[in-house]
mmCIF file of all heavy atoms, coordinates in Angstrom:
data_MODEL
# 
_entry.id   MODEL 
# 
loop_
_atom_site.group_PDB 
_atom_site.id 
_atom_site.type_symbol 
_atom_site.label_atom_id 
_atom_site.label_alt_id 
_atom_site.label_comp_id 
_atom_site.label_asym_id 
_atom_site.label_entity_id 
_atom_site.label_seq_id 
_atom_site.pdbx_PDB_ins_code 
_atom_site.Cartn_x 
_atom_site.Cartn_y 
_atom_site.Cartn_z 
_atom_site.occupancy 
_atom_site.B_iso_or_equiv 
_atom_site.pdbx_formal_charge 
_atom_site.auth_seq_id 
_atom_site.auth_comp_id 
_atom_site.auth_asym_id 
_atom_site.auth_atom_id 
_atom_site.pdbx_PDB_model_num 
ATOM 1   N N   . PRO A 1 1  ? -35.145 11.121 -21.514 1.00 0.00 ? 1  PRO A N   1 
ATOM 2   C CA  . PRO A 1 1  ? -34.558 9.840  -21.943 1.00 0.00 ? 1  PRO A CA  1 
ATOM 3   C C   . PRO A 1 1  ? -33.897 9.076  -20.804 1.00 0.00 ? 1  PRO A C   1 
ATOM 4   O O   . PRO A 1 1  ? -33.757 7.853  -20.859 1.00 0.00 ? 1  PRO A O   1 
ATOM 5   C CB  . PRO A 1 1  ? -33.534 10.260 -23.005 1.00 0.00 ? 1  PRO A CB  1 
ATOM 6   C CG  . PRO A 1 1  ? -33.204 11.685 -22.673 1.00 0.00 ? 1  PRO A CG  1 
ATOM 7   C CD  . PRO A 1 1  ? -34.468 12.282 -22.134 1.00 0.00 ? 1  PRO A CD  1 
ATOM 8   N N   . SER A 1 2  ? -33.420 9.777  -19.777 1.00 0.00 ? 2  SER A N   1 
ATOM 9   C CA  . SER A 1 2  ? -32.761 9.115  -18.653 1.00 0.00 ? 2  SER A CA  1 
ATOM 10  C C   . SER A 1 2  ? -32.910 9.977  -17.407 1.00 0.00 ? 2  SER A C   1 
ATOM 11  O O   . SER A 1 2  ? -33.297 11.155 -17.479 1.00 0.00 ? 2  SER A O   1 
ATOM 12  C CB  . SER A 1 2  ? -31.277 8.879  -18.951 1.00 0.00 ? 2  SER A CB  1 
ATOM 13  O OG  . SER A 1 2  ? -30.608 10.119 -19.135 1.00 0.00 ? 2  SER A OG  1 
ATOM 14  N N   . CYS A 1 3  ? -32.608 9.388  -16.273 1.00 0.00 ? 3  CYS A N   1 
ATOM 15  C CA  . CYS A 1 3  ? -32.748 10.115 -15.012 1.00 0.00 ? 3  CYS A CA  1 
ATOM 16  C C   . CYS A 1 3  ? -31.911 9.423  -13.942 1.00 0.00 ? 3  CYS A C   1 
ATOM 17  O O   . CYS A 1 3  ? -31.844 8.191  -13.888 1.00 0.00 ? 3  CYS A O   1 
ATOM 18  C CB  . CYS A 1 3  ? -34.216 10.150 -14.583 1.00 0.00 ? 3  CYS A CB  1 
ATOM 19  S SG  . CYS A 1 3  ? -34.503 10.786 -12.903 1.00 0.00 ? 3  CYS A SG  1 
ATOM 20  N N   . ASN A 1 4  ? -31.253 10.197 -13.079 1.00 0.00 ? 4  ASN A N   1 
ATOM 21  C CA  . ASN A 1 4  ? -30.586 9.658  -11.896 1.00 0.00 ? 4  ASN A CA  1 
ATOM 22  C C   . ASN A 1 4  ? -31.613 9.688  -10.759 1.00 0.00 ? 4  ASN A C   1 
ATOM 23  O O   . ASN A 1 4  ? -31.860 10.726 -10.143 1.00 0.00 ? 4  ASN A O   1 
ATOM 24  C CB  . ASN A 1 4  ? -29.361 10.500 -11.532 1.00 0.00 ? 4  ASN A CB  1 
ATOM 25  C CG  . ASN A 1 4  ? -28.606 9.940  -10.333 1.00 0.00 ? 4  ASN A CG  1 
ATOM 26  O OD1 . ASN A 1 4  ? -29.111 9.070  -9.607  1.00 0.00 ? 4  ASN A OD1 1 
ATOM 27  N ND2 . ASN A 1 4  ? -27.406 10.433 -10.112 1.00 0.00 ? 4  ASN A ND2 1 
ATOM 28  N N   . GLY A 1 5  ? -32.235 8.547  -10.511 1.00 0.00 ? 5  GLY A N   1 
ATOM 29  C CA  . GLY A 1 5  ? -33.286 8.486  -9.509  1.00 0.00 ? 5  GLY A CA  1 
ATOM 30  C C   . GLY A 1 5  ? -32.826 8.812  -8.105  1.00 0.00 ? 5  GLY A C   1 
ATOM 31  O O   . GLY A 1 5  ? -33.619 9.312  -7.286  1.00 0.00 ? 5  GLY A O   1 
ATOM 32  N N   . TRP A 1 6  ? -31.541 8.560  -7.813  1.00 0.00 ? 6  TRP A N   1 
ATOM 33  C CA  . TRP A 1 6  ? -31.016 8.851  -6.472  1.00 0.00 ? 6  TRP A CA  1 
ATOM 34  C C   . TRP A 1 6  ? -31.120 10.335 -6.134  1.00 0.00 ? 6  TRP A C   1 
ATOM 35  O O   . TRP A 1 6  ? -31.393 10.705 -4.992  1.00 0.00 ? 6  TRP A O   1 
ATOM 36  C CB  . TRP A 1 6  ? -29.569 8.394  -6.357  1.00 0.00 ? 6  TRP A CB  1 
ATOM 37  C CG  . TRP A 1 6  ? -29.373 6.912  -6.288  1.00 0.00 ? 6  TRP A CG  1 
ATOM 38  C CD1 . TRP A 1 6  ? -28.879 6.098  -7.269  1.00 0.00 ? 6  TRP A CD1 1 
ATOM 39  C CD2 . TRP A 1 6  ? -29.664 6.064  -5.174  1.00 0.00 ? 6  TRP A CD2 1 
ATOM 40  N NE1 . TRP A 1 6  ? -28.842 4.795  -6.843  1.00 0.00 ? 6  TRP A NE1 1 
ATOM 41  C CE2 . TRP A 1 6  ? -29.315 4.747  -5.551  1.00 0.00 ? 6  TRP A CE2 1 
ATOM 42  C CE3 . TRP A 1 6  ? -30.187 6.282  -3.899  1.00 0.00 ? 6  TRP A CE3 1 
ATOM 43  C CZ2 . TRP A 1 6  ? -29.468 3.654  -4.703  1.00 0.00 ? 6  TRP A CZ2 1 
ATOM 44  C CZ3 . TRP A 1 6  ? -30.339 5.194  -3.041  1.00 0.00 ? 6  TRP A CZ3 1 
ATOM 45  C CH2 . TRP A 1 6  ? -29.989 3.899  -3.439  1.00 0.00 ? 6  TRP A CH2 1 
ATOM 46  N N   . THR A 1 7  ? -30.887 11.160 -7.103  1.00 0.00 ? 7  THR A N   1 
ATOM 47  C CA  . THR A 1 7  ? -30.930 12.601 -6.836  1.00 0.00 ? 7  THR A CA  1 
ATOM 48  C C   . THR A 1 7  ? -32.276 13.224 -7.198  1.00 0.00 ? 7  THR A C   1 
ATOM 49  O O   . THR A 1 7  ? -32.610 14.311 -6.701  1.00 0.00 ? 7  THR A O   1 
ATOM 50  C CB  . THR A 1 7  ? -29.818 13.321 -7.616  1.00 0.00 ? 7  THR A CB  1 
ATOM 51  O OG1 . THR A 1 7  ? -29.941 13.015 -9.021  1.00 0.00 ? 7  THR A OG1 1 
ATOM 52  C CG2 . THR A 1 7  ? -28.445 12.884 -7.134  1.00 0.00 ? 7  THR A CG2 1 
ATOM 53  N N   . PHE A 1 8  ? -33.078 12.542 -8.055  1.00 0.00 ? 8  PHE A N   1 
ATOM 54  C CA  . PHE A 1 8  ? -34.372 13.106 -8.451  1.00 0.00 ? 8  PHE A CA  1 
ATOM 55  C C   . PHE A 1 8  ? -35.438 12.904 -7.377  1.00 0.00 ? 8  PHE A C   1 
ATOM 56  O O   . PHE A 1 8  ? -36.202 13.823 -7.060  1.00 0.00 ? 8  PHE A O   1 
ATOM 57  C CB  . PHE A 1 8  ? -34.839 12.466 -9.770  1.00 0.00 ? 8  PHE A CB  1 
ATOM 58  C CG  . PHE A 1 8  ? -36.181 12.975 -10.230 1.00 0.00 ? 8  PHE A CG  1 
ATOM 59  C CD1 . PHE A 1 8  ? -36.313 14.233 -10.794 1.00 0.00 ? 8  PHE A CD1 1 
ATOM 60  C CD2 . PHE A 1 8  ? -37.334 12.182 -10.087 1.00 0.00 ? 8  PHE A CD2 1 
ATOM 61  C CE1 . PHE A 1 8  ? -37.562 14.703 -11.210 1.00 0.00 ? 8  PHE A CE1 1 
ATOM 62  C CE2 . PHE A 1 8  ? -38.568 12.646 -10.499 1.00 0.00 ? 8  PHE A CE2 1 
ATOM 63  C CZ  . PHE A 1 8  ? -38.688 13.914 -11.061 1.00 0.00 ? 8  PHE A CZ  1 
ATOM 64  N N   . TRP A 1 9  ? -35.495 11.701 -6.802  1.00 0.00 ? 9  TRP A N   1 
ATOM 65  C CA  . TRP A 1 9  ? -36.551 11.398 -5.846  1.00 0.00 ? 9  TRP A CA  1 
ATOM 66  C C   . TRP A 1 9  ? -36.177 11.824 -4.431  1.00 0.00 ? 9  TRP A C   1 
ATOM 67  O O   . TRP A 1 9  ? -35.019 11.656 -4.009  1.00 0.00 ? 9  TRP A O   1 
ATOM 68  C CB  . TRP A 1 9  ? -36.885 9.903  -5.863  1.00 0.00 ? 9  TRP A CB  1 
ATOM 69  C CG  . TRP A 1 9  ? -37.493 9.458  -7.153  1.00 0.00 ? 9  TRP A CG  1 
ATOM 70  C CD1 . TRP A 1 9  ? -36.944 8.643  -8.082  1.00 0.00 ? 9  TRP A CD1 1 
ATOM 71  C CD2 . TRP A 1 9  ? -38.782 9.833  -7.650  1.00 0.00 ? 9  TRP A CD2 1 
ATOM 72  N NE1 . TRP A 1 9  ? -37.802 8.464  -9.150  1.00 0.00 ? 9  TRP A NE1 1 
ATOM 73  C CE2 . TRP A 1 9  ? -38.941 9.190  -8.904  1.00 0.00 ? 9  TRP A CE2 1 
ATOM 74  C CE3 . TRP A 1 9  ? -39.820 10.637 -7.186  1.00 0.00 ? 9  TRP A CE3 1 
ATOM 75  C CZ2 . TRP A 1 9  ? -40.087 9.326  -9.687  1.00 0.00 ? 9  TRP A CZ2 1 
ATOM 76  C CZ3 . TRP A 1 9  ? -40.964 10.782 -7.961  1.00 0.00 ? 9  TRP A CZ3 1 
ATOM 77  C CH2 . TRP A 1 9  ? -41.094 10.134 -9.193  1.00 0.00 ? 9  TRP A CH2 1 
ATOM 78  N N   . HIS A 1 10 ? -37.142 12.353 -3.699  1.00 0.00 ? 10 HIS A N   1 
ATOM 79  C CA  . HIS A 1 10 ? -36.952 12.853 -2.335  1.00 0.00 ? 10 HIS A CA  1 
ATOM 80  C C   . HIS A 1 10 ? -37.978 12.225 -1.386  1.00 0.00 ? 10 HIS A C   1 
ATOM 81  O O   . HIS A 1 10 ? -39.047 11.793 -1.817  1.00 0.00 ? 10 HIS A O   1 
ATOM 82  C CB  . HIS A 1 10 ? -37.119 14.381 -2.291  1.00 0.00 ? 10 HIS A CB  1 
ATOM 83  C CG  . HIS A 1 10 ? -36.061 15.135 -3.043  1.00 0.00 ? 10 HIS A CG  1 
ATOM 84  N ND1 . HIS A 1 10 ? -35.864 15.003 -4.401  1.00 0.00 ? 10 HIS A ND1 1 
ATOM 85  C CD2 . HIS A 1 10 ? -35.138 16.047 -2.605  1.00 0.00 ? 10 HIS A CD2 1 
ATOM 86  C CE1 . HIS A 1 10 ? -34.863 15.791 -4.777  1.00 0.00 ? 10 HIS A CE1 1 
ATOM 87  N NE2 . HIS A 1 10 ? -34.414 16.429 -3.702  1.00 0.00 ? 10 HIS A NE2 1 
ATOM 88  N N   . PHE A 1 11 ? -37.618 12.175 -0.114  1.00 0.00 ? 11 PHE A N   1 
ATOM 89  C CA  . PHE A 1 11 ? -38.561 11.746 0.908   1.00 0.00 ? 11 PHE A CA  1 
ATOM 90  C C   . PHE A 1 11 ? -38.621 12.833 1.985   1.00 0.00 ? 11 PHE A C   1 
ATOM 91  O O   . PHE A 1 11 ? -37.724 13.676 2.089   1.00 0.00 ? 11 PHE A O   1 
ATOM 92  C CB  . PHE A 1 11 ? -38.155 10.398 1.513   1.00 0.00 ? 11 PHE A CB  1 
ATOM 93  C CG  . PHE A 1 11 ? -36.911 10.453 2.363   1.00 0.00 ? 11 PHE A CG  1 
ATOM 94  C CD1 . PHE A 1 11 ? -36.994 10.451 3.757   1.00 0.00 ? 11 PHE A CD1 1 
ATOM 95  C CD2 . PHE A 1 11 ? -35.639 10.513 1.784   1.00 0.00 ? 11 PHE A CD2 1 
ATOM 96  C CE1 . PHE A 1 11 ? -35.855 10.492 4.546   1.00 0.00 ? 11 PHE A CE1 1 
ATOM 97  C CE2 . PHE A 1 11 ? -34.494 10.569 2.570   1.00 0.00 ? 11 PHE A CE2 1 
ATOM 98  C CZ  . PHE A 1 11 ? -34.607 10.562 3.948   1.00 0.00 ? 11 PHE A CZ  1 
ATOM 99  N N   . GLU A 1 12 ? -39.683 12.798 2.759   1.00 0.00 ? 12 GLU A N   1 
ATOM 100 C CA  . GLU A 1 12 ? -39.853 13.837 3.772   1.00 0.00 ? 12 GLU A CA  1 
ATOM 101 C C   . GLU A 1 12 ? -39.162 13.439 5.070   1.00 0.00 ? 12 GLU A C   1 
ATOM 102 O O   . GLU A 1 12 ? -39.343 12.325 5.571   1.00 0.00 ? 12 GLU A O   1 
ATOM 103 C CB  . GLU A 1 12 ? -41.342 14.086 4.049   1.00 0.00 ? 12 GLU A CB  1 
ATOM 104 C CG  . GLU A 1 12 ? -41.590 15.280 4.956   1.00 0.00 ? 12 GLU A CG  1 
ATOM 105 C CD  . GLU A 1 12 ? -43.053 15.636 5.086   1.00 0.00 ? 12 GLU A CD  1 
ATOM 106 O OE1 . GLU A 1 12 ? -43.844 15.252 4.179   1.00 0.00 ? 12 GLU A OE1 1 
ATOM 107 O OE2 . GLU A 1 12 ? -43.420 16.284 6.075   1.00 0.00 ? 12 GLU A OE2 1 
ATOM 108 N N   . LYS A 1 13 ? -38.366 14.365 5.588   1.00 0.00 ? 13 LYS A N   1 
ATOM 109 C CA  . LYS A 1 13 ? -37.654 14.135 6.851   1.00 0.00 ? 13 LYS A CA  1 
ATOM 110 C C   . LYS A 1 13 ? -37.670 15.428 7.651   1.00 0.00 ? 13 LYS A C   1 
ATOM 111 O O   . LYS A 1 13 ? -37.159 16.455 7.175   1.00 0.00 ? 13 LYS A O   1 
ATOM 112 C CB  . LYS A 1 13 ? -36.201 13.687 6.597   1.00 0.00 ? 13 LYS A CB  1 
ATOM 113 C CG  . LYS A 1 13 ? -35.371 13.496 7.869   1.00 0.00 ? 13 LYS A CG  1 
ATOM 114 C CD  . LYS A 1 13 ? -33.964 13.035 7.523   1.00 0.00 ? 13 LYS A CD  1 
ATOM 115 C CE  . LYS A 1 13 ? -33.065 13.032 8.751   1.00 0.00 ? 13 LYS A CE  1 
ATOM 116 N NZ  . LYS A 1 13 ? -33.574 12.167 9.844   1.00 0.00 ? 13 LYS A NZ  1 
ATOM 117 N N   . ASP A 1 14 ? -38.267 15.383 8.823   1.00 0.00 ? 14 ASP A N   1 
ATOM 118 C CA  . ASP A 1 14 ? -38.352 16.556 9.705   1.00 0.00 ? 14 ASP A CA  1 
ATOM 119 C C   . ASP A 1 14 ? -38.949 17.755 8.982   1.00 0.00 ? 14 ASP A C   1 
ATOM 120 O O   . ASP A 1 14 ? -38.456 18.889 9.112   1.00 0.00 ? 14 ASP A O   1 
ATOM 121 C CB  . ASP A 1 14 ? -36.965 16.910 10.273  1.00 0.00 ? 14 ASP A CB  1 
ATOM 122 C CG  . ASP A 1 14 ? -36.366 15.786 11.097  1.00 0.00 ? 14 ASP A CG  1 
ATOM 123 O OD1 . ASP A 1 14 ? -37.148 15.047 11.720  1.00 0.00 ? 14 ASP A OD1 1 
ATOM 124 O OD2 . ASP A 1 14 ? -35.126 15.642 11.100  1.00 0.00 ? 14 ASP A OD2 1 
ATOM 125 N N   . GLY A 1 15 ? -39.979 17.513 8.171   1.00 0.00 ? 15 GLY A N   1 
ATOM 126 C CA  . GLY A 1 15 ? -40.670 18.590 7.488   1.00 0.00 ? 15 GLY A CA  1 
ATOM 127 C C   . GLY A 1 15 ? -39.992 19.113 6.249   1.00 0.00 ? 15 GLY A C   1 
ATOM 128 O O   . GLY A 1 15 ? -40.477 20.070 5.634   1.00 0.00 ? 15 GLY A O   1 
ATOM 129 N N   . ALA A 1 16 ? -38.872 18.498 5.841   1.00 0.00 ? 16 ALA A N   1 
ATOM 130 C CA  . ALA A 1 16 ? -38.151 18.954 4.646   1.00 0.00 ? 16 ALA A CA  1 
ATOM 131 C C   . ALA A 1 16 ? -37.985 17.787 3.678   1.00 0.00 ? 16 ALA A C   1 
ATOM 132 O O   . ALA A 1 16 ? -37.999 16.614 4.081   1.00 0.00 ? 16 ALA A O   1 
ATOM 133 C CB  . ALA A 1 16 ? -36.791 19.513 5.026   1.00 0.00 ? 16 ALA A CB  1 
ATOM 134 N N   . LEU A 1 17 ? -37.843 18.096 2.390   1.00 0.00 ? 17 LEU A N   1 
ATOM 135 C CA  . LEU A 1 17 ? -37.607 17.078 1.382   1.00 0.00 ? 17 LEU A CA  1 
ATOM 136 C C   . LEU A 1 17 ? -36.105 16.810 1.262   1.00 0.00 ? 17 LEU A C   1 
ATOM 137 O O   . LEU A 1 17 ? -35.314 17.735 1.060   1.00 0.00 ? 17 LEU A O   1 
ATOM 138 C CB  . LEU A 1 17 ? -38.173 17.522 0.034   1.00 0.00 ? 17 LEU A CB  1 
ATOM 139 C CG  . LEU A 1 17 ? -39.708 17.530 -0.074  1.00 0.00 ? 17 LEU A CG  1 
ATOM 140 C CD1 . LEU A 1 17 ? -40.135 18.061 -1.432  1.00 0.00 ? 17 LEU A CD1 1 
ATOM 141 C CD2 . LEU A 1 17 ? -40.281 16.125 0.156   1.00 0.00 ? 17 LEU A CD2 1 
ATOM 142 N N   . VAL A 1 18 ? -35.729 15.535 1.391   1.00 0.00 ? 18 VAL A N   1 
ATOM 143 C CA  . VAL A 1 18 ? -34.321 15.130 1.357   1.00 0.00 ? 18 VAL A CA  1 
ATOM 144 C C   . VAL A 1 18 ? -34.128 14.117 0.239   1.00 0.00 ? 18 VAL A C   1 
ATOM 145 O O   . VAL A 1 18 ? -34.940 13.185 0.102   1.00 0.00 ? 18 VAL A O   1 
ATOM 146 C CB  . VAL A 1 18 ? -33.906 14.496 2.711   1.00 0.00 ? 18 VAL A CB  1 
ATOM 147 C CG1 . VAL A 1 18 ? -32.455 14.047 2.670   1.00 0.00 ? 18 VAL A CG1 1 
ATOM 148 C CG2 . VAL A 1 18 ? -34.149 15.478 3.848   1.00 0.00 ? 18 VAL A CG2 1 
ATOM 149 N N   . PRO A 1 19 ? -33.078 14.237 -0.590  1.00 0.00 ? 19 PRO A N   1 
ATOM 150 C CA  . PRO A 1 19 ? -32.847 13.255 -1.658  1.00 0.00 ? 19 PRO A CA  1 
ATOM 151 C C   . PRO A 1 19 ? -32.632 11.862 -1.072  1.00 0.00 ? 19 PRO A C   1 
ATOM 152 O O   . PRO A 1 19 ? -31.982 11.708 -0.022  1.00 0.00 ? 19 PRO A O   1 
ATOM 153 C CB  . PRO A 1 19 ? -31.575 13.763 -2.359  1.00 0.00 ? 19 PRO A CB  1 
ATOM 154 C CG  . PRO A 1 19 ? -31.453 15.194 -1.962  1.00 0.00 ? 19 PRO A CG  1 
ATOM 155 C CD  . PRO A 1 19 ? -32.052 15.310 -0.599  1.00 0.00 ? 19 PRO A CD  1 
ATOM 156 N N   . ILE A 1 20 ? -33.152 10.843 -1.747  1.00 0.00 ? 20 ILE A N   1 
ATOM 157 C CA  . ILE A 1 20 ? -32.937 9.481  -1.263  1.00 0.00 ? 20 ILE A CA  1 
ATOM 158 C C   . ILE A 1 20 ? -31.458 9.102  -1.320  1.00 0.00 ? 20 ILE A C   1 
ATOM 159 O O   . ILE A 1 20 ? -31.029 8.139  -0.672  1.00 0.00 ? 20 ILE A O   1 
ATOM 160 C CB  . ILE A 1 20 ? -33.793 8.460  -2.040  1.00 0.00 ? 20 ILE A CB  1 
ATOM 161 C CG1 . ILE A 1 20 ? -33.436 8.477  -3.538  1.00 0.00 ? 20 ILE A CG1 1 
ATOM 162 C CG2 . ILE A 1 20 ? -35.274 8.722  -1.827  1.00 0.00 ? 20 ILE A CG2 1 
ATOM 163 C CD1 . ILE A 1 20 ? -34.156 7.385  -4.333  1.00 0.00 ? 20 ILE A CD1 1 
ATOM 164 N N   . ASP A 1 21 ? -30.659 9.854  -2.064  1.00 0.00 ? 21 ASP A N   1 
ATOM 165 C CA  . ASP A 1 21 ? -29.218 9.609  -2.103  1.00 0.00 ? 21 ASP A CA  1 
ATOM 166 C C   . ASP A 1 21 ? -28.592 9.771  -0.724  1.00 0.00 ? 21 ASP A C   1 
ATOM 167 O O   . ASP A 1 21 ? -27.543 9.181  -0.433  1.00 0.00 ? 21 ASP A O   1 
ATOM 168 C CB  . ASP A 1 21 ? -28.553 10.562 -3.112  1.00 0.00 ? 21 ASP A CB  1 
ATOM 169 C CG  . ASP A 1 21 ? -27.132 10.155 -3.433  1.00 0.00 ? 21 ASP A CG  1 
ATOM 170 O OD1 . ASP A 1 21 ? -26.893 8.950  -3.639  1.00 0.00 ? 21 ASP A OD1 1 
ATOM 171 O OD2 . ASP A 1 21 ? -26.256 11.033 -3.459  1.00 0.00 ? 21 ASP A OD2 1 
ATOM 172 N N   . TRP A 1 22 ? -29.198 10.561 0.140   1.00 0.00 ? 22 TRP A N   1 
ATOM 173 C CA  . TRP A 1 22 ? -28.705 10.741 1.507   1.00 0.00 ? 22 TRP A CA  1 
ATOM 174 C C   . TRP A 1 22 ? -28.714 9.412  2.252   1.00 0.00 ? 22 TRP A C   1 
ATOM 175 O O   . TRP A 1 22 ? -27.808 9.119  3.031   1.00 0.00 ? 22 TRP A O   1 
ATOM 176 C CB  . TRP A 1 22 ? -29.583 11.764 2.226   1.00 0.00 ? 22 TRP A CB  1 
ATOM 177 C CG  . TRP A 1 22 ? -29.152 12.087 3.621   1.00 0.00 ? 22 TRP A CG  1 
ATOM 178 C CD1 . TRP A 1 22 ? -28.136 12.906 4.002   1.00 0.00 ? 22 TRP A CD1 1 
ATOM 179 C CD2 . TRP A 1 22 ? -29.745 11.597 4.837   1.00 0.00 ? 22 TRP A CD2 1 
ATOM 180 N NE1 . TRP A 1 22 ? -28.054 12.965 5.373   1.00 0.00 ? 22 TRP A NE1 1 
ATOM 181 C CE2 . TRP A 1 22 ? -29.034 12.161 5.909   1.00 0.00 ? 22 TRP A CE2 1 
ATOM 182 C CE3 . TRP A 1 22 ? -30.809 10.739 5.113   1.00 0.00 ? 22 TRP A CE3 1 
ATOM 183 C CZ2 . TRP A 1 22 ? -29.350 11.898 7.248   1.00 0.00 ? 22 TRP A CZ2 1 
ATOM 184 C CZ3 . TRP A 1 22 ? -31.129 10.473 6.442   1.00 0.00 ? 22 TRP A CZ3 1 
ATOM 185 C CH2 . TRP A 1 22 ? -30.403 11.041 7.488   1.00 0.00 ? 22 TRP A CH2 1 
ATOM 186 N N   . LEU A 1 23 ? -29.706 8.576  1.986   1.00 0.00 ? 23 LEU A N   1 
ATOM 187 C CA  . LEU A 1 23 ? -29.786 7.263  2.610   1.00 0.00 ? 23 LEU A CA  1 
ATOM 188 C C   . LEU A 1 23 ? -28.700 6.338  2.071   1.00 0.00 ? 23 LEU A C   1 
ATOM 189 O O   . LEU A 1 23 ? -28.081 5.573  2.817   1.00 0.00 ? 23 LEU A O   1 
ATOM 190 C CB  . LEU A 1 23 ? -31.167 6.654  2.367   1.00 0.00 ? 23 LEU A CB  1 
ATOM 191 C CG  . LEU A 1 23 ? -32.358 7.468  2.911   1.00 0.00 ? 23 LEU A CG  1 
ATOM 192 C CD1 . LEU A 1 23 ? -33.671 6.865  2.435   1.00 0.00 ? 23 LEU A CD1 1 
ATOM 193 C CD2 . LEU A 1 23 ? -32.303 7.547  4.434   1.00 0.00 ? 23 LEU A CD2 1 
ATOM 194 N N   . ARG A 1 24 ? -28.472 6.420  0.760   1.00 0.00 ? 24 ARG A N   1 
ATOM 195 C CA  . ARG A 1 24 ? -27.405 5.606  0.166   1.00 0.00 ? 24 ARG A CA  1 
ATOM 196 C C   . ARG A 1 24 ? -26.052 5.966  0.760   1.00 0.00 ? 24 ARG A C   1 
ATOM 197 O O   . ARG A 1 24 ? -25.231 5.089  1.054   1.00 0.00 ? 24 ARG A O   1 
ATOM 198 C CB  . ARG A 1 24 ? -27.385 5.786  -1.352  1.00 0.00 ? 24 ARG A CB  1 
ATOM 199 C CG  . ARG A 1 24 ? -26.245 5.024  -2.019  1.00 0.00 ? 24 ARG A CG  1 
ATOM 200 C CD  . ARG A 1 24 ? -26.287 5.070  -3.525  1.00 0.00 ? 24 ARG A CD  1 
ATOM 201 N NE  . ARG A 1 24 ? -26.084 6.397  -4.081  1.00 0.00 ? 24 ARG A NE  1 
ATOM 202 C CZ  . ARG A 1 24 ? -25.773 6.619  -5.358  1.00 0.00 ? 24 ARG A CZ  1 
ATOM 203 N NH1 . ARG A 1 24 ? -25.651 5.602  -6.202  1.00 0.00 ? 24 ARG A NH1 1 
ATOM 204 N NH2 . ARG A 1 24 ? -25.623 7.846  -5.809  1.00 0.00 ? 24 ARG A NH2 1 
# 
């Protein structure tokens, strides 16, 4: 029903998956 996209979605950085919240 809902989702916190900041913590759910990740991007690749130096071969590891990092939450996009790190950018925020």
